[in-house]
């Protein structure tokens, strides 16, 4: 038997679906404009600006970006490596910290939580941090310099702690009665029940590692260690210099693909990570809301 909906509910649903559809289209338009711009000739963008559908199809930007394919693929390898390793190790350490801080029988959890929160308000500064990484930890021009500095985040630890506080204490108490140790409880009970929280924080961490170029700019000197984002940044900088230097020496009909190269670089950099979101989306909202609401 079907339940008849009230007219006000029907109107509310229609308005809600329309607004969501409009917002979805508005969110997709910039990305579609970037993709279209990457396939547009440089002269067309200079003369007519960007458009959703290019009048002329061109691969000049991608040819310029992949002028050295090995360099791009090496950048992908470095970025994938630091994203996978950094996210996996970071999730492990973050979840362990969250588990400890969520335990009511841990005597110093409030003091330690305040200490972690305090680091979000004050820092030692860029120069002491740089000296620590390069001189004392000797991580300059290594993959460790791309992974370790952003391995842990106070925000992620607090979010994970709040999420784990939603897990009933009776589960831990039952495991202790059965003779399980703390690490066994953490690995076999807490982690499987923390899937939404882990997926939420894992997405944050993966996006951070994938999009990071600042660490490479500070600590990496070897081209073989360049992550994808920093490599594309160097390519764009080279294209801008080329456009400036050759502007007076070439015919006006030729324009180095500086603007379209920016669009192509954005597609190359964001394309793979976009496909990660659908796999964690169903956990994302649940993990974020639970971690944000629970005290």
Protein backbone atom coordinates (compact mmCIF):
# COMPACT_ATOMS: atom_id res chain seq x y z
CA UNK A 1 0.00 0.00 0.00
CA UNK A 2 1.47 3.31 -1.09
CA UNK A 3 1.52 6.20 1.38
CA UNK A 4 0.22 9.39 -0.17
CA UNK A 5 2.64 12.29 0.26
CA UNK A 6 1.40 15.71 1.25
CA UNK A 7 1.56 18.45 -1.35
CA UNK A 8 4.00 20.47 0.80
CA UNK A 9 6.37 17.49 0.97
CA UNK A 10 6.20 17.03 -2.81
CA UNK A 11 6.96 20.73 -3.40
CA UNK A 12 9.84 20.59 -0.91
CA UNK A 13 11.33 17.53 -2.64
CA UNK A 14 11.03 19.13 -6.07
CA UNK A 15 12.74 22.32 -4.90
CA UNK A 16 15.44 20.31 -3.16
CA UNK A 17 16.19 18.17 -6.24
CA UNK A 18 16.26 21.25 -8.49
CA UNK A 19 18.69 23.07 -6.19
CA UNK A 20 20.94 20.02 -5.90
CA UNK A 21 20.93 19.62 -9.69
CA UNK A 22 21.83 23.27 -10.20
CA UNK A 23 24.66 23.07 -7.64
CA UNK A 24 25.95 19.88 -9.26
CA UNK A 25 26.06 21.55 -12.67
CA UNK A 26 27.81 24.60 -11.20
CA UNK A 27 30.43 22.34 -9.63
CA UNK A 28 30.99 20.44 -12.88
CA UNK A 29 31.24 23.49 -15.13
CA UNK A 30 34.76 24.59 -14.02
CA UNK A 31 36.14 21.09 -14.52
CA UNK A 32 34.48 20.79 -17.95
CA UNK A 33 35.89 24.20 -18.87
CA UNK A 34 39.38 23.03 -17.91
CA UNK A 35 39.06 19.86 -19.99
CA UNK A 36 37.72 21.83 -22.96
CA UNK A 37 40.45 24.45 -22.63
CA UNK A 38 43.13 21.77 -22.70
CA UNK A 39 41.91 20.70 -26.17
CA UNK A 40 41.62 24.26 -27.52
CA UNK A 41 44.31 25.93 -29.70
CA UNK A 42 46.30 28.65 -27.96
CA UNK A 43 45.37 31.35 -30.48
CA UNK A 44 41.66 30.64 -30.05
CA UNK A 45 41.91 31.14 -26.29
CA UNK A 46 43.89 34.37 -26.75
CA UNK A 47 41.42 35.79 -29.27
CA UNK A 48 38.08 34.43 -28.03
CA UNK A 49 38.67 33.20 -24.52
CA UNK A 50 37.61 29.89 -23.01
CA UNK A 51 34.48 28.00 -24.10
CA UNK A 52 32.81 24.75 -23.10
CA UNK A 53 33.04 23.42 -26.66
CA UNK A 54 36.22 24.29 -28.61
CA UNK A 55 35.72 25.41 -32.20
CA UNK A 56 38.93 23.64 -33.21
CA UNK A 57 40.27 20.50 -31.60
CA UNK A 58 43.98 20.59 -30.71
CA UNK A 59 46.41 18.33 -28.83
CA UNK A 60 49.25 20.87 -28.74
CA UNK A 61 49.03 21.29 -24.95
CA UNK A 62 49.26 17.55 -24.31
CA UNK A 63 52.09 17.20 -26.83
CA UNK A 64 53.98 19.92 -24.95
CA UNK A 65 53.22 18.32 -21.57
CA UNK A 66 54.28 14.87 -22.79
CA UNK A 67 57.28 16.10 -24.77
CA UNK A 68 59.29 13.99 -22.33
CA UNK A 69 56.91 11.10 -21.48
CA UNK A 70 59.40 9.35 -19.21
CA UNK A 71 59.57 12.43 -17.01
CA UNK A 72 55.79 12.51 -16.62
CA UNK A 73 55.56 8.77 -15.88
CA UNK A 74 58.39 9.06 -13.34
CA UNK A 75 56.46 11.91 -11.70
CA UNK A 76 53.38 9.67 -11.55
CA UNK A 77 55.42 6.89 -9.95
CA UNK A 78 56.82 9.21 -7.28
CA UNK A 79 53.42 10.72 -6.53
CA UNK A 80 51.67 7.34 -6.37
CA UNK A 81 54.41 5.99 -4.11
CA UNK A 82 54.32 8.84 -1.60
CA UNK A 83 50.50 8.92 -1.69
CA UNK A 84 50.11 5.20 -0.99
CA UNK A 85 52.90 4.94 1.59
CA UNK A 86 52.13 8.24 3.29
CA UNK A 87 48.39 7.54 3.49
CA UNK A 88 48.84 3.98 4.77
CA UNK A 89 51.43 4.85 7.43
CA UNK A 90 49.62 8.06 8.35
CA UNK A 91 46.31 6.23 8.82
CA UNK A 92 48.00 3.61 10.99
CA UNK A 93 49.61 6.20 13.28
CA UNK A 94 46.54 8.47 13.33
CA UNK A 95 44.20 5.61 14.21
CA UNK A 96 46.53 4.41 16.97
CA UNK A 97 46.66 7.92 18.45
CA UNK A 98 42.88 8.26 18.15
CA UNK A 99 42.37 4.89 19.82
CA UNK A 100 44.56 5.81 22.80
CA UNK A 101 42.98 9.24 23.24
CA UNK A 102 39.46 7.81 23.03
CA UNK A 103 40.06 5.38 25.90
CA UNK A 104 38.51 6.54 29.15
CA UNK A 105 40.96 4.46 31.18
CA UNK A 106 43.97 6.38 29.79
CA UNK A 107 44.93 8.70 32.64
CA UNK A 108 46.63 11.47 30.63
CA UNK A 109 44.33 11.58 27.61
CA UNK A 110 43.05 15.12 28.31
CA UNK A 111 46.55 16.54 28.79
CA UNK A 112 47.84 14.81 25.64
CA UNK A 113 44.78 15.93 23.65
CA UNK A 114 45.44 19.53 24.70
CA UNK A 115 49.10 19.21 23.73
CA UNK A 116 48.09 17.98 20.25
CA UNK A 117 45.50 20.73 19.88
CA UNK A 118 48.05 23.33 21.02
CA UNK A 119 50.18 22.59 17.95
CA UNK A 120 47.38 23.90 15.74
CA UNK A 121 47.69 27.33 17.36
CA UNK A 122 51.47 27.82 17.38
CA UNK A 123 54.41 26.54 15.37
CA UNK A 124 58.17 26.93 15.47
CA UNK A 125 58.30 28.68 12.09
CA UNK A 126 59.48 27.72 8.63
CA UNK A 127 63.21 28.24 9.11
CA UNK A 128 63.62 26.06 12.26
CA UNK A 129 61.42 23.43 10.62
CA UNK A 130 63.57 23.47 7.47
CA UNK A 131 66.76 23.15 9.55
CA UNK A 132 65.24 20.23 11.46
CA UNK A 133 64.32 18.32 8.29
CA UNK A 134 67.53 18.96 6.35
CA UNK A 135 70.28 19.13 9.00
CA UNK A 136 69.17 17.11 12.00
CA UNK A 137 66.96 14.49 10.31
CA UNK A 138 69.06 14.46 7.10
CA UNK A 139 66.04 14.02 4.81
CA UNK A 140 66.98 16.50 2.10
CA UNK A 141 66.45 15.14 -1.43
CA UNK A 142 64.85 11.91 -0.20
CA UNK A 143 61.35 10.46 -0.40
CA UNK A 144 61.17 10.74 3.38
CA UNK A 145 61.12 14.53 3.03
CA UNK A 146 57.94 14.19 0.96
CA UNK A 147 56.23 11.79 3.38
CA UNK A 148 57.27 12.46 6.99
CA UNK A 149 56.52 16.22 7.41
CA UNK A 150 52.79 15.73 6.69
CA UNK A 151 52.46 12.23 8.11
CA UNK A 152 50.42 13.29 11.15
CA UNK A 153 47.87 16.06 11.55
CA UNK A 154 46.34 17.29 14.79
CA UNK A 155 43.01 17.75 13.03
CA UNK A 156 43.02 14.15 11.77
CA UNK A 157 43.92 12.78 15.22
CA UNK A 158 41.11 14.73 16.88
CA UNK A 159 38.66 13.62 14.19
CA UNK A 160 39.66 9.98 14.61
CA UNK A 161 39.49 10.24 18.40
CA UNK A 162 35.95 11.62 18.24
CA UNK A 163 34.91 8.92 15.81
CA UNK A 164 36.31 6.10 17.96
CA UNK A 165 34.50 7.49 21.00
CA UNK A 166 31.27 6.49 19.25
CA UNK A 167 32.29 2.80 19.44
CA UNK A 168 30.65 1.23 22.53
CA UNK A 169 32.98 0.55 25.47
CA UNK A 170 31.27 -2.81 25.97
CA UNK A 171 33.08 -4.14 22.89
CA UNK A 172 36.47 -3.41 24.43
CA UNK A 173 35.41 -4.77 27.82
CA UNK A 174 34.13 -8.02 26.26
CA UNK A 175 37.41 -8.47 24.39
CA UNK A 176 39.39 -7.93 27.60
CA UNK A 177 37.30 -10.56 29.37
CA UNK A 178 38.19 -12.99 26.57
CA UNK A 179 41.87 -12.26 27.17
CA UNK A 180 42.59 -9.94 24.23
CA UNK A 181 45.43 -7.46 24.59
CA UNK A 182 45.31 -3.77 23.69
CA UNK A 183 46.93 -4.18 20.27
CA UNK A 184 44.68 -7.15 19.45
CA UNK A 185 41.62 -5.07 20.38
CA UNK A 186 42.88 -2.23 18.23
CA UNK A 187 43.68 -4.37 15.16
CA UNK A 188 40.80 -6.87 15.20
CA UNK A 189 37.94 -4.85 16.68
CA UNK A 190 38.50 -1.10 16.55
CA UNK A 191 39.95 -0.81 13.04
CA UNK A 192 37.20 -2.88 11.32
CA UNK A 193 34.56 -0.76 13.10
CA UNK A 194 36.30 2.48 12.11
CA UNK A 195 35.88 2.08 8.34
CA UNK A 196 33.99 5.38 7.74
CA UNK A 197 36.45 7.36 9.83
CA UNK A 198 39.46 5.76 8.18
CA UNK A 199 38.00 6.38 4.71
CA UNK A 200 37.33 10.05 5.52
CA UNK A 201 40.79 10.75 6.92
CA UNK A 202 42.40 8.56 4.24
CA UNK A 203 40.79 10.71 1.54
CA UNK A 204 42.05 13.89 3.20
CA UNK A 205 45.57 12.47 3.44
CA UNK A 206 45.62 11.05 -0.08
CA UNK A 207 44.50 14.38 -1.56
CA UNK A 208 47.12 16.19 0.50
CA UNK A 209 49.96 13.96 -0.69
CA UNK A 210 48.75 13.91 -4.29
CA UNK A 211 48.44 17.70 -4.56
CA UNK A 212 51.56 18.59 -2.58
CA UNK A 213 54.31 20.44 -4.40
CA UNK A 214 55.62 22.65 -1.58
CA UNK A 215 57.67 19.91 0.08
CA UNK A 216 59.40 19.12 -3.21
CA UNK A 217 60.08 22.80 -3.74
CA UNK A 218 61.79 22.99 -0.34
CA UNK A 219 63.64 19.70 -0.04
CA UNK A 220 64.01 17.98 -3.45
CA UNK A 221 66.87 18.77 -5.84
CA UNK A 222 67.02 15.62 -8.02
CA UNK A 223 64.64 15.51 -10.97
CA UNK A 224 64.12 11.78 -10.45
CA UNK A 225 62.50 12.58 -7.10
CA UNK A 226 60.09 15.22 -8.45
CA UNK A 227 56.43 14.41 -7.69
CA UNK A 228 53.90 15.03 -10.44
CA UNK A 229 52.57 18.35 -9.11
CA UNK A 230 56.02 19.91 -8.77
CA UNK A 231 57.06 18.55 -12.15
CA UNK A 232 54.03 20.15 -13.82
CA UNK A 233 54.78 23.37 -11.97
CA UNK A 234 58.28 23.35 -13.46
CA UNK A 235 56.87 22.66 -16.94
CA UNK A 236 54.43 25.57 -16.63
CA UNK A 237 57.21 27.86 -15.44
CA UNK A 238 59.34 26.82 -18.42
CA UNK A 239 56.43 27.49 -20.80
CA UNK A 240 55.95 30.97 -19.32
CA UNK A 241 59.65 31.75 -19.77
CA UNK A 242 59.55 30.40 -23.33
CA UNK A 243 56.55 32.58 -24.16
CA UNK A 244 58.35 35.66 -22.83
CA UNK A 245 61.68 34.98 -24.53
CA UNK A 246 60.47 33.98 -27.99
CA UNK A 247 57.59 36.43 -28.32
CA UNK A 248 59.63 38.89 -30.35
CA UNK A 249 61.48 36.32 -32.46
CA UNK A 250 58.62 34.25 -33.87
CA UNK A 251 55.74 35.02 -36.20
CA UNK A 252 52.57 36.36 -34.60
CA UNK A 253 50.70 33.26 -35.80
CA UNK A 254 52.66 31.08 -33.39
CA UNK A 255 51.99 31.10 -29.69
CA UNK A 256 53.59 28.67 -27.23
CA UNK A 257 50.75 26.75 -25.52
CA UNK A 258 51.07 28.50 -22.18
CA UNK A 259 47.36 28.90 -21.36
CA UNK A 260 46.27 25.55 -22.76
CA UNK A 261 49.24 23.89 -21.06
CA UNK A 262 47.87 25.07 -17.70
CA UNK A 263 44.58 23.36 -18.49
CA UNK A 264 46.30 20.17 -19.66
CA UNK A 265 48.48 20.12 -16.54
CA UNK A 266 45.37 20.40 -14.37
CA UNK A 267 43.73 17.48 -16.18
CA UNK A 268 46.88 15.34 -15.95
CA UNK A 269 47.25 16.07 -12.24
CA UNK A 270 43.62 15.79 -11.09
CA UNK A 271 42.29 13.12 -13.43
CA UNK A 272 43.47 9.99 -11.57
CA UNK A 273 42.60 11.23 -8.07
CA UNK A 274 39.06 12.14 -9.18
CA UNK A 275 38.32 8.45 -9.68
CA UNK A 276 39.28 7.71 -6.06
CA UNK A 277 36.38 9.66 -4.59
CA UNK A 278 33.49 7.39 -5.72
CA UNK A 279 35.05 4.46 -3.85
CA UNK A 280 35.11 6.31 -0.51
CA UNK A 281 32.12 8.63 -0.96
CA UNK A 282 29.69 6.37 0.88
CA UNK A 283 31.98 6.40 3.93
CA UNK A 284 32.96 10.05 3.62
CA UNK A 285 29.79 11.79 4.84
CA UNK A 286 29.16 9.33 7.66
CA UNK A 287 32.72 9.50 8.95
CA UNK A 288 32.89 13.28 8.75
CA UNK A 289 29.57 13.91 10.50
CA UNK A 290 30.15 11.39 13.28
CA UNK A 291 33.65 12.70 13.94
CA UNK A 292 32.44 16.29 13.95
CA UNK A 293 29.38 15.87 16.19
CA UNK A 294 30.69 13.53 18.87
CA UNK A 295 32.49 15.35 21.71
